[in-house]
Protein backbone atom coordinates (compact mmCIF):
# COMPACT_ATOMS: atom_id res chain seq x y z
CA UNK A 1 0.00 0.00 0.00
CA UNK A 2 1.26 3.42 -0.91
CA UNK A 3 1.29 5.89 2.00
CA UNK A 4 1.33 9.64 1.33
CA UNK A 5 2.63 12.35 3.59
CA UNK A 6 -0.85 13.79 4.01
CA UNK A 7 -2.13 10.36 5.07
CA UNK A 8 0.71 10.07 7.61
CA UNK A 9 -0.07 13.57 8.91
CA UNK A 10 -3.72 12.56 9.27
CA UNK A 11 -2.73 9.42 11.19
CA UNK A 12 -0.33 11.41 13.39
CA UNK A 13 -2.94 14.07 14.20
CA UNK A 14 -5.50 11.34 14.88
CA UNK A 15 -3.10 9.85 17.42
CA UNK A 16 -2.55 13.29 18.96
CA UNK A 17 -6.33 13.59 19.31
CA UNK A 18 -6.47 10.04 20.75
CA UNK A 19 -3.85 11.03 23.33
CA UNK A 20 -5.90 14.08 24.27
CA UNK A 21 -8.99 11.89 24.65
CA UNK A 22 -7.06 9.52 26.91
CA UNK A 23 -5.87 12.41 29.10
CA UNK A 24 -9.44 13.80 29.22
CA UNK A 25 -10.73 10.42 30.41
CA UNK A 26 -8.05 10.41 33.08
CA UNK A 27 -9.23 13.84 34.23
CA UNK A 28 -12.77 12.49 34.52
CA UNK A 29 -11.50 9.74 36.81
CA UNK A 30 -9.51 12.34 38.80
CA UNK A 31 -12.59 14.51 39.23
CA UNK A 32 -14.57 11.53 40.50
CA UNK A 33 -11.80 10.70 42.96
CA UNK A 34 -11.67 14.27 44.24
CA UNK A 35 -15.45 14.55 44.54
CA UNK A 36 -16.00 11.15 46.18
CA UNK A 37 -13.30 9.69 48.39
CA UNK A 38 -13.01 5.93 48.03
CA UNK A 39 -10.92 3.04 49.25
CA UNK A 40 -7.98 1.38 47.55
CA UNK A 41 -10.00 -1.51 46.14
CA UNK A 42 -12.32 0.85 44.27
CA UNK A 43 -9.33 2.86 43.00
CA UNK A 44 -7.72 -0.33 41.67
CA UNK A 45 -10.96 -1.30 39.95
CA UNK A 46 -11.26 2.19 38.42
CA UNK A 47 -7.68 1.99 37.17
CA UNK A 48 -8.44 -1.36 35.56
CA UNK A 49 -11.52 0.11 33.85
CA UNK A 50 -9.48 3.16 32.76
CA UNK A 51 -6.82 1.01 31.07
CA UNK A 52 -9.47 -1.05 29.28
CA UNK A 53 -11.00 2.18 27.97
CA UNK A 54 -7.54 3.47 26.94
CA UNK A 55 -6.86 0.26 25.04
CA UNK A 56 -10.21 0.52 23.25
CA UNK A 57 -9.69 4.20 22.36
CA UNK A 58 -6.17 3.59 21.03
CA UNK A 59 -7.33 0.54 19.09
CA UNK A 60 -10.18 2.54 17.55
CA UNK A 61 -7.89 5.46 16.63
CA UNK A 62 -5.21 3.26 15.07
CA UNK A 63 -7.74 1.05 13.29
CA UNK A 64 -9.77 3.97 11.97
CA UNK A 65 -6.86 6.13 10.85
CA UNK A 66 -4.16 3.65 9.83
CA UNK A 67 -6.04 0.37 9.28
CA UNK A 68 -4.46 -1.12 12.40
CA UNK A 69 -0.81 -0.63 11.45
CA UNK A 70 1.28 0.42 14.42
CA UNK A 71 4.20 2.72 13.69
CA UNK A 72 6.63 4.59 15.94
CA UNK A 73 5.22 8.02 15.19
CA UNK A 74 1.79 6.84 16.39
CA UNK A 75 3.13 6.33 19.90
CA UNK A 76 4.87 9.71 19.67
CA UNK A 77 1.57 11.29 18.56
CA UNK A 78 -0.29 9.80 21.54
CA UNK A 79 2.37 11.04 23.97
CA UNK A 80 2.33 14.52 22.39
CA UNK A 81 -1.49 14.57 22.65
CA UNK A 82 -1.35 13.67 26.34
CA UNK A 83 1.31 16.32 27.05
CA UNK A 84 -0.58 19.01 25.11
CA UNK A 85 -3.80 18.25 26.93
CA UNK A 86 -2.11 18.27 30.34
CA UNK A 87 -0.34 21.55 29.63
CA UNK A 88 -3.21 23.39 27.93
CA UNK A 89 -6.56 22.00 29.05
CA UNK A 90 -6.27 19.79 32.12
CA UNK A 91 -6.42 22.53 34.75
CA UNK A 92 -9.35 24.23 33.01
CA UNK A 93 -11.32 21.00 32.63
CA UNK A 94 -10.70 20.01 36.27
CA UNK A 95 -11.80 23.42 37.55
CA UNK A 96 -14.93 23.44 35.36
CA UNK A 97 -15.96 19.93 36.38
CA UNK A 98 -15.31 20.57 40.09
CA UNK A 99 -17.25 23.85 39.85
CA UNK A 100 -20.17 22.05 38.20
CA UNK A 101 -20.14 19.38 40.87
CA UNK A 102 -20.21 22.04 43.61
CA UNK A 103 -23.09 23.85 41.89
CA UNK A 104 -25.09 20.64 41.45
CA UNK A 105 -24.37 19.66 45.07
CA UNK A 106 -25.52 23.05 46.39
CA UNK A 107 -28.63 22.93 44.19
CA UNK A 108 -29.42 19.43 45.47
CA UNK A 109 -29.00 20.61 49.07
CA UNK A 110 -31.36 23.54 48.43
CA UNK A 111 -33.96 21.30 46.77
CA UNK A 112 -33.66 18.76 49.58
CA UNK A 113 -34.02 21.48 52.20
CA UNK A 114 -37.11 22.90 50.49
CA UNK A 115 -38.58 19.41 50.15
CA UNK A 116 -38.10 18.82 53.88
CA UNK A 117 -39.99 21.97 54.94
CA UNK A 118 -43.43 20.23 54.94
CA UNK A 119 -41.99 17.35 56.95
CA UNK A 120 -40.50 19.78 59.48
CA UNK A 121 -43.85 21.58 59.78
CA UNK A 122 -45.65 18.28 60.37
CA UNK A 123 -43.10 17.29 62.99
CA UNK A 124 -43.50 20.65 64.73
CA UNK A 125 -47.28 20.25 64.75
CA UNK A 126 -46.90 16.74 66.14
CA UNK A 127 -44.19 17.98 68.46
CA UNK A 128 -46.63 20.01 70.60
CA UNK A 129 -48.57 16.96 71.84
CA UNK A 130 -45.41 14.91 72.14
CA UNK A 131 -43.80 17.60 74.30
CA UNK A 132 -46.77 17.34 76.65
CA UNK A 133 -46.51 13.58 76.71
CA UNK A 134 -42.77 13.88 77.31
CA UNK A 135 -43.32 16.26 80.25
CA UNK A 136 -45.93 13.91 81.77
CA UNK A 137 -43.56 10.98 81.36
CA UNK A 138 -40.72 12.86 83.03
CA UNK A 139 -42.96 13.86 85.96
CA UNK A 140 -44.16 10.29 86.39
CA UNK A 141 -40.55 9.10 86.20
CA UNK A 142 -39.58 11.39 89.04
CA UNK A 143 -42.65 10.22 91.00
CA UNK A 144 -41.69 6.61 90.41
CA UNK A 145 -38.19 7.37 91.64
CA UNK A 146 -39.61 9.05 94.76
CA UNK A 147 -41.99 6.17 95.40
CA UNK A 148 -39.16 3.73 94.86
CA UNK A 149 -37.00 5.65 97.30
CA UNK A 150 -39.87 5.76 99.82
CA UNK A 151 -40.43 2.01 99.51
CA UNK A 152 -36.72 1.43 99.84
CA UNK A 153 -36.57 3.73 102.87
CA UNK A 154 -39.60 1.98 104.41
CA UNK A 155 -37.93 -1.36 103.76
CA UNK A 156 -34.77 -0.08 105.45
CA UNK A 157 -36.78 1.13 108.45
CA UNK A 158 -38.64 -2.19 108.62
CA UNK A 159 -35.34 -4.02 108.43
CA UNK A 160 -33.99 -2.00 111.37
CA UNK A 161 -37.14 -2.69 113.38
CA UNK A 162 -36.84 -6.44 112.78
CA UNK A 163 -33.18 -6.26 113.75
CA UNK A 164 -34.02 -4.51 116.97
CA UNK A 165 -36.83 -6.98 117.72
CA UNK A 166 -34.51 -9.90 117.03
CA UNK A 167 -31.89 -8.44 119.34
CA UNK A 168 -34.44 -8.11 122.08
CA UNK A 169 -35.54 -11.70 121.69
C-alpha atoms as a PDB file:
ATOM      1  CA  UNK A   1       0.000   0.000   0.000  1.00  0.00           C
ATOM      2  CA  UNK A   2       1.261   3.416  -0.910  1.00  0.00           C
ATOM      3  CA  UNK A   3       1.294   5.893   1.999  1.00  0.00           C
ATOM      4  CA  UNK A   4       1.334   9.641   1.329  1.00  0.00           C
ATOM      5  CA  UNK A   5       2.634  12.353   3.585  1.00  0.00           C
ATOM      6  CA  UNK A   6      -0.848  13.790   4.011  1.00  0.00           C
ATOM      7  CA  UNK A   7      -2.128  10.363   5.071  1.00  0.00           C
ATOM      8  CA  UNK A   8       0.714  10.075   7.609  1.00  0.00           C
ATOM      9  CA  UNK A   9      -0.070  13.569   8.907  1.00  0.00           C
ATOM     10  CA  UNK A  10      -3.722  12.565   9.271  1.00  0.00           C
ATOM     11  CA  UNK A  11      -2.730   9.418  11.186  1.00  0.00           C
ATOM     12  CA  UNK A  12      -0.329  11.407  13.387  1.00  0.00           C
ATOM     13  CA  UNK A  13      -2.941  14.071  14.196  1.00  0.00           C
ATOM     14  CA  UNK A  14      -5.500  11.342  14.876  1.00  0.00           C
ATOM     15  CA  UNK A  15      -3.101   9.854  17.418  1.00  0.00           C
ATOM     16  CA  UNK A  16      -2.553  13.290  18.957  1.00  0.00           C
ATOM     17  CA  UNK A  17      -6.333  13.587  19.307  1.00  0.00           C
ATOM     18  CA  UNK A  18      -6.472  10.044  20.746  1.00  0.00           C
ATOM     19  CA  UNK A  19      -3.846  11.032  23.329  1.00  0.00           C
ATOM     20  CA  UNK A  20      -5.905  14.077  24.266  1.00  0.00           C
ATOM     21  CA  UNK A  21      -8.995  11.889  24.646  1.00  0.00           C
ATOM     22  CA  UNK A  22      -7.058   9.521  26.913  1.00  0.00           C
ATOM     23  CA  UNK A  23      -5.871  12.413  29.103  1.00  0.00           C
ATOM     24  CA  UNK A  24      -9.438  13.797  29.222  1.00  0.00           C
ATOM     25  CA  UNK A  25     -10.727  10.422  30.415  1.00  0.00           C
ATOM     26  CA  UNK A  26      -8.046  10.407  33.084  1.00  0.00           C
ATOM     27  CA  UNK A  27      -9.229  13.839  34.233  1.00  0.00           C
ATOM     28  CA  UNK A  28     -12.771  12.492  34.524  1.00  0.00           C
ATOM     29  CA  UNK A  29     -11.496   9.741  36.811  1.00  0.00           C
ATOM     30  CA  UNK A  30      -9.509  12.341  38.796  1.00  0.00           C
ATOM     31  CA  UNK A  31     -12.592  14.514  39.231  1.00  0.00           C
ATOM     32  CA  UNK A  32     -14.566  11.527  40.496  1.00  0.00           C
ATOM     33  CA  UNK A  33     -11.801  10.700  42.958  1.00  0.00           C
ATOM     34  CA  UNK A  34     -11.667  14.269  44.244  1.00  0.00           C
ATOM     35  CA  UNK A  35     -15.446  14.546  44.544  1.00  0.00           C
ATOM     36  CA  UNK A  36     -15.996  11.150  46.177  1.00  0.00           C
ATOM     37  CA  UNK A  37     -13.297   9.689  48.386  1.00  0.00           C
ATOM     38  CA  UNK A  38     -13.014   5.934  48.029  1.00  0.00           C
ATOM     39  CA  UNK A  39     -10.923   3.040  49.248  1.00  0.00           C
ATOM     40  CA  UNK A  40      -7.983   1.378  47.549  1.00  0.00           C
ATOM     41  CA  UNK A  41     -10.002  -1.508  46.143  1.00  0.00           C
ATOM     42  CA  UNK A  42     -12.321   0.852  44.269  1.00  0.00           C
ATOM     43  CA  UNK A  43      -9.329   2.860  43.002  1.00  0.00           C
ATOM     44  CA  UNK A  44      -7.721  -0.335  41.672  1.00  0.00           C
ATOM     45  CA  UNK A  45     -10.962  -1.295  39.954  1.00  0.00           C
ATOM     46  CA  UNK A  46     -11.263   2.187  38.418  1.00  0.00           C
ATOM     47  CA  UNK A  47      -7.676   1.987  37.168  1.00  0.00           C
ATOM     48  CA  UNK A  48      -8.440  -1.359  35.557  1.00  0.00           C
ATOM     49  CA  UNK A  49     -11.518   0.111  33.851  1.00  0.00           C
ATOM     50  CA  UNK A  50      -9.485   3.155  32.757  1.00  0.00           C
ATOM     51  CA  UNK A  51      -6.824   1.014  31.068  1.00  0.00           C
ATOM     52  CA  UNK A  52      -9.470  -1.048  29.285  1.00  0.00           C
ATOM     53  CA  UNK A  53     -11.004   2.183  27.967  1.00  0.00           C
ATOM     54  CA  UNK A  54      -7.543   3.469  26.938  1.00  0.00           C
ATOM     55  CA  UNK A  55      -6.858   0.265  25.040  1.00  0.00           C
ATOM     56  CA  UNK A  56     -10.207   0.521  23.248  1.00  0.00           C
ATOM     57  CA  UNK A  57      -9.686   4.196  22.363  1.00  0.00           C
ATOM     58  CA  UNK A  58      -6.175   3.586  21.034  1.00  0.00           C
ATOM     59  CA  UNK A  59      -7.328   0.545  19.091  1.00  0.00           C
ATOM     60  CA  UNK A  60     -10.181   2.542  17.549  1.00  0.00           C
ATOM     61  CA  UNK A  61      -7.892   5.460  16.635  1.00  0.00           C
ATOM     62  CA  UNK A  62      -5.209   3.256  15.065  1.00  0.00           C
ATOM     63  CA  UNK A  63      -7.739   1.051  13.292  1.00  0.00           C
ATOM     64  CA  UNK A  64      -9.773   3.971  11.970  1.00  0.00           C
ATOM     65  CA  UNK A  65      -6.860   6.127  10.851  1.00  0.00           C
ATOM     66  CA  UNK A  66      -4.160   3.647   9.830  1.00  0.00           C
ATOM     67  CA  UNK A  67      -6.041   0.368   9.284  1.00  0.00           C
ATOM     68  CA  UNK A  68      -4.460  -1.124  12.401  1.00  0.00           C
ATOM     69  CA  UNK A  69      -0.811  -0.628  11.455  1.00  0.00           C
ATOM     70  CA  UNK A  70       1.276   0.419  14.421  1.00  0.00           C
ATOM     71  CA  UNK A  71       4.195   2.722  13.690  1.00  0.00           C
ATOM     72  CA  UNK A  72       6.628   4.587  15.935  1.00  0.00           C
ATOM     73  CA  UNK A  73       5.217   8.019  15.194  1.00  0.00           C
ATOM     74  CA  UNK A  74       1.790   6.843  16.387  1.00  0.00           C
ATOM     75  CA  UNK A  75       3.128   6.329  19.902  1.00  0.00           C
ATOM     76  CA  UNK A  76       4.869   9.706  19.673  1.00  0.00           C
ATOM     77  CA  UNK A  77       1.567  11.292  18.558  1.00  0.00           C
ATOM     78  CA  UNK A  78      -0.291   9.799  21.542  1.00  0.00           C
ATOM     79  CA  UNK A  79       2.367  11.036  23.968  1.00  0.00           C
ATOM     80  CA  UNK A  80       2.331  14.519  22.391  1.00  0.00           C
ATOM     81  CA  UNK A  81      -1.490  14.567  22.647  1.00  0.00           C
ATOM     82  CA  UNK A  82      -1.355  13.669  26.341  1.00  0.00           C
ATOM     83  CA  UNK A  83       1.314  16.315  27.046  1.00  0.00           C
ATOM     84  CA  UNK A  84      -0.584  19.007  25.110  1.00  0.00           C
ATOM     85  CA  UNK A  85      -3.802  18.248  26.928  1.00  0.00           C
ATOM     86  CA  UNK A  86      -2.111  18.273  30.336  1.00  0.00           C
ATOM     87  CA  UNK A  87      -0.337  21.553  29.629  1.00  0.00           C
ATOM     88  CA  UNK A  88      -3.214  23.389  27.931  1.00  0.00           C
ATOM     89  CA  UNK A  89      -6.557  21.999  29.049  1.00  0.00           C
ATOM     90  CA  UNK A  90      -6.267  19.785  32.124  1.00  0.00           C
ATOM     91  CA  UNK A  91      -6.421  22.526  34.747  1.00  0.00           C
ATOM     92  CA  UNK A  92      -9.352  24.232  33.007  1.00  0.00           C
ATOM     93  CA  UNK A  93     -11.318  20.995  32.632  1.00  0.00           C
ATOM     94  CA  UNK A  94     -10.695  20.005  36.265  1.00  0.00           C
ATOM     95  CA  UNK A  95     -11.802  23.423  37.548  1.00  0.00           C
ATOM     96  CA  UNK A  96     -14.929  23.438  35.363  1.00  0.00           C
ATOM     97  CA  UNK A  97     -15.964  19.930  36.385  1.00  0.00           C
ATOM     98  CA  UNK A  98     -15.315  20.565  40.087  1.00  0.00           C
ATOM     99  CA  UNK A  99     -17.251  23.850  39.850  1.00  0.00           C
ATOM    100  CA  UNK A 100     -20.169  22.054  38.199  1.00  0.00           C
ATOM    101  CA  UNK A 101     -20.136  19.375  40.873  1.00  0.00           C
ATOM    102  CA  UNK A 102     -20.206  22.035  43.606  1.00  0.00           C
ATOM    103  CA  UNK A 103     -23.089  23.852  41.895  1.00  0.00           C
ATOM    104  CA  UNK A 104     -25.086  20.643  41.450  1.00  0.00           C
ATOM    105  CA  UNK A 105     -24.370  19.660  45.072  1.00  0.00           C
ATOM    106  CA  UNK A 106     -25.523  23.049  46.391  1.00  0.00           C
ATOM    107  CA  UNK A 107     -28.630  22.929  44.195  1.00  0.00           C
ATOM    108  CA  UNK A 108     -29.422  19.434  45.473  1.00  0.00           C
ATOM    109  CA  UNK A 109     -29.001  20.610  49.070  1.00  0.00           C
ATOM    110  CA  UNK A 110     -31.361  23.538  48.433  1.00  0.00           C
ATOM    111  CA  UNK A 111     -33.958  21.295  46.766  1.00  0.00           C
ATOM    112  CA  UNK A 112     -33.663  18.757  49.577  1.00  0.00           C
ATOM    113  CA  UNK A 113     -34.018  21.480  52.199  1.00  0.00           C
ATOM    114  CA  UNK A 114     -37.110  22.904  50.485  1.00  0.00           C
ATOM    115  CA  UNK A 115     -38.581  19.411  50.149  1.00  0.00           C
ATOM    116  CA  UNK A 116     -38.098  18.817  53.880  1.00  0.00           C
ATOM    117  CA  UNK A 117     -39.991  21.967  54.939  1.00  0.00           C
ATOM    118  CA  UNK A 118     -43.425  20.229  54.944  1.00  0.00           C
ATOM    119  CA  UNK A 119     -41.986  17.349  56.952  1.00  0.00           C
ATOM    120  CA  UNK A 120     -40.502  19.783  59.481  1.00  0.00           C
ATOM    121  CA  UNK A 121     -43.852  21.576  59.783  1.00  0.00           C
ATOM    122  CA  UNK A 122     -45.651  18.284  60.366  1.00  0.00           C
ATOM    123  CA  UNK A 123     -43.096  17.286  62.995  1.00  0.00           C
ATOM    124  CA  UNK A 124     -43.496  20.653  64.730  1.00  0.00           C
ATOM    125  CA  UNK A 125     -47.276  20.248  64.749  1.00  0.00           C
ATOM    126  CA  UNK A 126     -46.905  16.743  66.140  1.00  0.00           C
ATOM    127  CA  UNK A 127     -44.191  17.984  68.464  1.00  0.00           C
ATOM    128  CA  UNK A 128     -46.626  20.007  70.597  1.00  0.00           C
ATOM    129  CA  UNK A 129     -48.570  16.956  71.843  1.00  0.00           C
ATOM    130  CA  UNK A 130     -45.410  14.911  72.143  1.00  0.00           C
ATOM    131  CA  UNK A 131     -43.804  17.601  74.305  1.00  0.00           C
ATOM    132  CA  UNK A 132     -46.768  17.342  76.653  1.00  0.00           C
ATOM    133  CA  UNK A 133     -46.514  13.575  76.714  1.00  0.00           C
ATOM    134  CA  UNK A 134     -42.774  13.882  77.312  1.00  0.00           C
ATOM    135  CA  UNK A 135     -43.321  16.259  80.246  1.00  0.00           C
ATOM    136  CA  UNK A 136     -45.933  13.915  81.770  1.00  0.00           C
ATOM    137  CA  UNK A 137     -43.561  10.977  81.364  1.00  0.00           C
ATOM    138  CA  UNK A 138     -40.716  12.864  83.025  1.00  0.00           C
ATOM    139  CA  UNK A 139     -42.961  13.860  85.958  1.00  0.00           C
ATOM    140  CA  UNK A 140     -44.156  10.285  86.388  1.00  0.00           C
ATOM    141  CA  UNK A 141     -40.552   9.095  86.196  1.00  0.00           C
ATOM    142  CA  UNK A 142     -39.581  11.387  89.040  1.00  0.00           C
ATOM    143  CA  UNK A 143     -42.650  10.225  90.998  1.00  0.00           C
ATOM    144  CA  UNK A 144     -41.692   6.606  90.414  1.00  0.00           C
ATOM    145  CA  UNK A 145     -38.193   7.372  91.641  1.00  0.00           C
ATOM    146  CA  UNK A 146     -39.610   9.048  94.759  1.00  0.00           C
ATOM    147  CA  UNK A 147     -41.991   6.171  95.400  1.00  0.00           C
ATOM    148  CA  UNK A 148     -39.157   3.734  94.864  1.00  0.00           C
ATOM    149  CA  UNK A 149     -36.995   5.651  97.303  1.00  0.00           C
ATOM    150  CA  UNK A 150     -39.866   5.759  99.815  1.00  0.00           C
ATOM    151  CA  UNK A 151     -40.430   2.015  99.515  1.00  0.00           C
ATOM    152  CA  UNK A 152     -36.722   1.433  99.836  1.00  0.00           C
ATOM    153  CA  UNK A 153     -36.574   3.733 102.873  1.00  0.00           C
ATOM    154  CA  UNK A 154     -39.605   1.976 104.409  1.00  0.00           C
ATOM    155  CA  UNK A 155     -37.934  -1.359 103.764  1.00  0.00           C
ATOM    156  CA  UNK A 156     -34.773  -0.078 105.448  1.00  0.00           C
ATOM    157  CA  UNK A 157     -36.777   1.126 108.450  1.00  0.00           C
ATOM    158  CA  UNK A 158     -38.636  -2.194 108.617  1.00  0.00           C
ATOM    159  CA  UNK A 159     -35.341  -4.023 108.434  1.00  0.00           C
ATOM    160  CA  UNK A 160     -33.992  -2.002 111.372  1.00  0.00           C
ATOM    161  CA  UNK A 161     -37.136  -2.689 113.379  1.00  0.00           C
ATOM    162  CA  UNK A 162     -36.840  -6.438 112.778  1.00  0.00           C
ATOM    163  CA  UNK A 163     -33.178  -6.256 113.752  1.00  0.00           C
ATOM    164  CA  UNK A 164     -34.018  -4.507 116.969  1.00  0.00           C
ATOM    165  CA  UNK A 165     -36.830  -6.978 117.724  1.00  0.00           C
ATOM    166  CA  UNK A 166     -34.509  -9.898 117.029  1.00  0.00           C
ATOM    167  CA  UNK A 167     -31.887  -8.444 119.342  1.00  0.00           C
ATOM    168  CA  UNK A 168     -34.442  -8.106 122.079  1.00  0.00           C
ATOM    169  CA  UNK A 169     -35.535 -11.699 121.689  1.00  0.00           C
END
